[in-house]
């Protein structure tokens, strides 16, 4: 099950560099995770200062 970025996202970009499969991109106001690419590793959740990436 892929991760999803919640509305808590502050668009800091910390998660982008942590993703080993480049599944995260800048969306409309917040970052988004491509569920087809996400490997559910949790790296993004580990670096997010506001805990925006959540298990979907």
PDB file of N, CA and C in Angstrom:
ATOM      1  N   UNK A   1       0.839  -1.179   0.000  1.00  0.00           N
ATOM      2  CA  UNK A   1       0.000   0.000   0.000  1.00  0.00           C
ATOM      3  C   UNK A   1       0.890   1.250   0.000  1.00  0.00           C
ATOM      4  N   UNK A   2       0.626   2.128  -0.898  1.00  0.00           N
ATOM      5  CA  UNK A   2       1.447   3.329  -1.070  1.00  0.00           C
ATOM      6  C   UNK A   2       1.183   4.361   0.018  1.00  0.00           C
ATOM      7  N   UNK A   3       2.154   5.243   0.209  1.00  0.00           N
ATOM      8  CA  UNK A   3       1.997   6.371   1.118  1.00  0.00           C
ATOM      9  C   UNK A   3       1.247   7.475   0.398  1.00  0.00           C
ATOM     10  N   UNK A   4       0.634   8.362   1.180  1.00  0.00           N
ATOM     11  CA  UNK A   4      -0.069   9.518   0.636  1.00  0.00           C
ATOM     12  C   UNK A   4       0.317  10.710   1.499  1.00  0.00           C
ATOM     13  N   UNK A   5       0.486  11.867   0.880  1.00  0.00           N
ATOM     14  CA  UNK A   5       0.857  13.077   1.625  1.00  0.00           C
ATOM     15  C   UNK A   5      -0.410  13.830   2.006  1.00  0.00           C
ATOM     16  N   UNK A   6      -0.542  14.098   3.307  1.00  0.00           N
ATOM     17  CA  UNK A   6      -1.740  14.759   3.819  1.00  0.00           C
ATOM     18  C   UNK A   6      -1.661  16.275   3.632  1.00  0.00           C
ATOM     19  N   UNK A   7      -2.749  16.927   3.983  1.00  0.00           N
ATOM     20  CA  UNK A   7      -2.841  18.387   3.901  1.00  0.00           C
ATOM     21  C   UNK A   7      -1.886  19.089   4.864  1.00  0.00           C
ATOM     22  N   UNK A   8      -1.269  18.337   5.767  1.00  0.00           N
ATOM     23  CA  UNK A   8      -0.296  18.901   6.706  1.00  0.00           C
ATOM     24  C   UNK A   8       0.979  19.349   5.990  1.00  0.00           C
ATOM     25  N   UNK A   9       1.171  18.931   4.757  1.00  0.00           N
ATOM     26  CA  UNK A   9       2.375  19.228   3.974  1.00  0.00           C
ATOM     27  C   UNK A   9       2.642  20.730   3.919  1.00  0.00           C
ATOM     28  N   UNK A  10       3.900  21.098   4.203  1.00  0.00           N
ATOM     29  CA  UNK A  10       4.305  22.502   4.150  1.00  0.00           C
ATOM     30  C   UNK A  10       5.175  22.789   2.920  1.00  0.00           C
ATOM     31  N   UNK A  11       5.219  21.854   1.989  1.00  0.00           N
ATOM     32  CA  UNK A  11       5.962  21.984   0.731  1.00  0.00           C
ATOM     33  C   UNK A  11       7.443  22.313   0.935  1.00  0.00           C
ATOM     34  N   UNK A  12       8.059  21.694   1.919  1.00  0.00           N
ATOM     35  CA  UNK A  12       9.479  21.952   2.174  1.00  0.00           C
ATOM     36  C   UNK A  12      10.384  21.163   1.232  1.00  0.00           C
ATOM     37  N   UNK A  13       9.872  20.057   0.686  1.00  0.00           N
ATOM     38  CA  UNK A  13      10.645  19.261  -0.264  1.00  0.00           C
ATOM     39  C   UNK A  13      11.578  18.239   0.351  1.00  0.00           C
ATOM     40  N   UNK A  14      11.580  18.098   1.665  1.00  0.00           N
ATOM     41  CA  UNK A  14      12.477  17.140   2.324  1.00  0.00           C
ATOM     42  C   UNK A  14      12.226  15.715   1.838  1.00  0.00           C
ATOM     43  N   UNK A  15      10.995  15.386   1.570  1.00  0.00           N
ATOM     44  CA  UNK A  15      10.638  14.029   1.160  1.00  0.00           C
ATOM     45  C   UNK A  15      11.138  13.676  -0.240  1.00  0.00           C
ATOM     46  N   UNK A  16      11.223  14.655  -1.098  1.00  0.00           N
ATOM     47  CA  UNK A  16      11.591  14.402  -2.496  1.00  0.00           C
ATOM     48  C   UNK A  16      12.951  13.727  -2.611  1.00  0.00           C
ATOM     49  N   UNK A  17      13.940  14.267  -1.924  1.00  0.00           N
ATOM     50  CA  UNK A  17      15.289  13.702  -2.003  1.00  0.00           C
ATOM     51  C   UNK A  17      15.417  12.372  -1.277  1.00  0.00           C
ATOM     52  N   UNK A  18      14.503  12.078  -0.365  1.00  0.00           N
ATOM     53  CA  UNK A  18      14.580  10.824   0.386  1.00  0.00           C
ATOM     54  C   UNK A  18      13.985   9.642  -0.370  1.00  0.00           C
ATOM     55  N   UNK A  19      13.181   9.897  -1.375  1.00  0.00           N
ATOM     56  CA  UNK A  19      12.491   8.818  -2.091  1.00  0.00           C
ATOM     57  C   UNK A  19      13.439   8.096  -3.053  1.00  0.00           C
ATOM     58  N   UNK A  20      13.672   6.792  -2.813  1.00  0.00           N
ATOM     59  CA  UNK A  20      14.609   6.047  -3.662  1.00  0.00           C
ATOM     60  C   UNK A  20      14.095   5.741  -5.066  1.00  0.00           C
ATOM     61  N   UNK A  21      12.781   5.910  -5.289  1.00  0.00           N
ATOM     62  CA  UNK A  21      12.210   5.599  -6.602  1.00  0.00           C
ATOM     63  C   UNK A  21      11.602   6.816  -7.294  1.00  0.00           C
ATOM     64  N   UNK A  22      11.903   8.005  -6.794  1.00  0.00           N
ATOM     65  CA  UNK A  22      11.408   9.262  -7.386  1.00  0.00           C
ATOM     66  C   UNK A  22       9.895   9.278  -7.581  1.00  0.00           C
ATOM     67  N   UNK A  23       9.158   8.841  -6.552  1.00  0.00           N
ATOM     68  CA  UNK A  23       7.698   8.792  -6.637  1.00  0.00           C
ATOM     69  C   UNK A  23       7.032  10.086  -6.196  1.00  0.00           C
ATOM     70  N   UNK A  24       7.812  11.037  -5.678  1.00  0.00           N
ATOM     71  CA  UNK A  24       7.231  12.260  -5.117  1.00  0.00           C
ATOM     72  C   UNK A  24       7.495  13.444  -6.030  1.00  0.00           C
ATOM     73  N   UNK A  25       6.443  14.218  -6.273  1.00  0.00           N
ATOM     74  CA  UNK A  25       6.584  15.409  -7.111  1.00  0.00           C
ATOM     75  C   UNK A  25       5.767  16.542  -6.511  1.00  0.00           C
ATOM     76  N   UNK A  26       6.061  17.745  -6.968  1.00  0.00           N
ATOM     77  CA  UNK A  26       5.349  18.924  -6.487  1.00  0.00           C
ATOM     78  C   UNK A  26       3.961  18.962  -7.104  1.00  0.00           C
ATOM     79  N   UNK A  27       2.961  19.045  -6.250  1.00  0.00           N
ATOM     80  CA  UNK A  27       1.582  19.111  -6.719  1.00  0.00           C
ATOM     81  C   UNK A  27       1.051  20.523  -6.611  1.00  0.00           C
ATOM     82  N   UNK A  28      -0.250  20.635  -6.480  1.00  0.00           N
ATOM     83  CA  UNK A  28      -0.908  21.929  -6.377  1.00  0.00           C
ATOM     84  C   UNK A  28      -0.955  22.361  -4.912  1.00  0.00           C
ATOM     85  N   UNK A  29       0.114  22.984  -4.439  1.00  0.00           N
ATOM     86  CA  UNK A  29       0.184  23.454  -3.069  1.00  0.00           C
ATOM     87  C   UNK A  29       0.857  22.491  -2.108  1.00  0.00           C
ATOM     88  N   UNK A  30       0.773  21.200  -2.377  1.00  0.00           N
ATOM     89  CA  UNK A  30       1.452  20.204  -1.555  1.00  0.00           C
ATOM     90  C   UNK A  30       2.128  19.187  -2.478  1.00  0.00           C
ATOM     91  N   UNK A  31       3.041  18.426  -1.924  1.00  0.00           N
ATOM     92  CA  UNK A  31       3.685  17.379  -2.709  1.00  0.00           C
ATOM     93  C   UNK A  31       2.763  16.171  -2.811  1.00  0.00           C
ATOM     94  N   UNK A  32       2.938  15.393  -3.866  1.00  0.00           N
ATOM     95  CA  UNK A  32       2.106  14.209  -4.084  1.00  0.00           C
ATOM     96  C   UNK A  32       2.996  12.993  -4.353  1.00  0.00           C
ATOM     97  N   UNK A  33       2.476  11.834  -3.994  1.00  0.00           N
ATOM     98  CA  UNK A  33       3.181  10.576  -4.208  1.00  0.00           C
ATOM     99  C   UNK A  33       2.437   9.777  -5.264  1.00  0.00           C
ATOM    100  N   UNK A  34       3.149   9.326  -6.285  1.00  0.00           N
ATOM    101  CA  UNK A  34       2.560   8.478  -7.324  1.00  0.00           C
ATOM    102  C   UNK A  34       2.394   7.076  -6.735  1.00  0.00           C
ATOM    103  N   UNK A  35       1.156   6.626  -6.526  1.00  0.00           N
ATOM    104  CA  UNK A  35       0.940   5.322  -5.897  1.00  0.00           C
ATOM    105  C   UNK A  35       1.441   4.145  -6.735  1.00  0.00           C
ATOM    106  N   UNK A  36       1.552   4.334  -8.032  1.00  0.00           N
ATOM    107  CA  UNK A  36       2.048   3.265  -8.906  1.00  0.00           C
ATOM    108  C   UNK A  36       3.557   3.084  -8.774  1.00  0.00           C
ATOM    109  N   UNK A  37       4.253   4.144  -8.380  1.00  0.00           N
ATOM    110  CA  UNK A  37       5.709   4.108  -8.264  1.00  0.00           C
ATOM    111  C   UNK A  37       6.165   3.834  -6.830  1.00  0.00           C
ATOM    112  N   UNK A  38       5.390   4.275  -5.857  1.00  0.00           N
ATOM    113  CA  UNK A  38       5.742   4.141  -4.439  1.00  0.00           C
ATOM    114  C   UNK A  38       5.956   2.674  -4.068  1.00  0.00           C
ATOM    115  N   UNK A  39       7.060   2.408  -3.351  1.00  0.00           N
ATOM    116  CA  UNK A  39       7.372   1.037  -2.917  1.00  0.00           C
ATOM    117  C   UNK A  39       7.097   0.843  -1.421  1.00  0.00           C
ATOM    118  N   UNK A  40       6.420   1.798  -0.791  1.00  0.00           N
ATOM    119  CA  UNK A  40       6.004   1.696   0.601  1.00  0.00           C
ATOM    120  C   UNK A  40       7.180   1.514   1.563  1.00  0.00           C
ATOM    121  N   UNK A  41       8.274   2.226   1.300  1.00  0.00           N
ATOM    122  CA  UNK A  41       9.469   2.073   2.133  1.00  0.00           C
ATOM    123  C   UNK A  41       9.441   2.961   3.374  1.00  0.00           C
ATOM    124  N   UNK A  42       8.680   4.057   3.333  1.00  0.00           N
ATOM    125  CA  UNK A  42       8.563   4.936   4.484  1.00  0.00           C
ATOM    126  C   UNK A  42       9.676   5.957   4.636  1.00  0.00           C
ATOM    127  N   UNK A  43      10.583   6.026   3.692  1.00  0.00           N
ATOM    128  CA  UNK A  43      11.689   6.986   3.786  1.00  0.00           C
ATOM    129  C   UNK A  43      11.175   8.416   3.873  1.00  0.00           C
ATOM    130  N   UNK A  44      10.129   8.733   3.140  1.00  0.00           N
ATOM    131  CA  UNK A  44       9.567  10.084   3.149  1.00  0.00           C
ATOM    132  C   UNK A  44       9.013  10.443   4.522  1.00  0.00           C
ATOM    133  N   UNK A  45       8.358   9.490   5.151  1.00  0.00           N
ATOM    134  CA  UNK A  45       7.775   9.732   6.468  1.00  0.00           C
ATOM    135  C   UNK A  45       8.869   9.980   7.511  1.00  0.00           C
ATOM    136  N   UNK A  46      10.008   9.363   7.322  1.00  0.00           N
ATOM    137  CA  UNK A  46      11.099   9.508   8.269  1.00  0.00           C
ATOM    138  C   UNK A  46      11.768  10.874   8.260  1.00  0.00           C
ATOM    139  N   UNK A  47      11.655  11.606   7.161  1.00  0.00           N
ATOM    140  CA  UNK A  47      12.318  12.910   7.065  1.00  0.00           C
ATOM    141  C   UNK A  47      11.366  14.106   7.133  1.00  0.00           C
ATOM    142  N   UNK A  48      10.093  13.866   7.060  1.00  0.00           N
ATOM    143  CA  UNK A  48       9.106  14.959   7.045  1.00  0.00           C
ATOM    144  C   UNK A  48       8.985  15.610   8.419  1.00  0.00           C
ATOM    145  N   UNK A  49       9.174  16.941   8.494  1.00  0.00           N
ATOM    146  CA  UNK A  49       9.093  17.627   9.785  1.00  0.00           C
ATOM    147  C   UNK A  49       7.674  17.741  10.351  1.00  0.00           C
ATOM    148  N   UNK A  50       6.648  17.516   9.516  1.00  0.00           N
ATOM    149  CA  UNK A  50       5.268  17.639   9.992  1.00  0.00           C
ATOM    150  C   UNK A  50       4.479  16.329   9.848  1.00  0.00           C
ATOM    151  N   UNK A  51       5.157  15.235   9.591  1.00  0.00           N
ATOM    152  CA  UNK A  51       4.523  13.916   9.466  1.00  0.00           C
ATOM    153  C   UNK A  51       3.398  13.879   8.433  1.00  0.00           C
ATOM    154  N   UNK A  52       3.613  14.564   7.298  1.00  0.00           N
ATOM    155  CA  UNK A  52       2.587  14.597   6.264  1.00  0.00           C
ATOM    156  C   UNK A  52       2.449  13.268   5.506  1.00  0.00           C
ATOM    157  N   UNK A  53       3.534  12.570   5.172  1.00  0.00           N
ATOM    158  CA  UNK A  53       3.361  11.278   4.480  1.00  0.00           C
ATOM    159  C   UNK A  53       2.766  10.248   5.447  1.00  0.00           C
ATOM    160  N   UNK A  54       1.658   9.674   5.068  1.00  0.00           N
ATOM    161  CA  UNK A  54       0.964   8.680   5.884  1.00  0.00           C
ATOM    162  C   UNK A  54       0.716   7.422   5.050  1.00  0.00           C
ATOM    163  N   UNK A  55       0.680   6.281   5.721  1.00  0.00           N
ATOM    164  CA  UNK A  55       0.330   5.059   5.019  1.00  0.00           C
ATOM    165  C   UNK A  55      -1.118   5.157   4.579  1.00  0.00           C
ATOM    166  N   UNK A  56      -1.369   4.870   3.328  1.00  0.00           N
ATOM    167  CA  UNK A  56      -2.731   4.979   2.785  1.00  0.00           C
ATOM    168  C   UNK A  56      -3.553   3.753   3.115  1.00  0.00           C
TER     169      UNK A  56
END
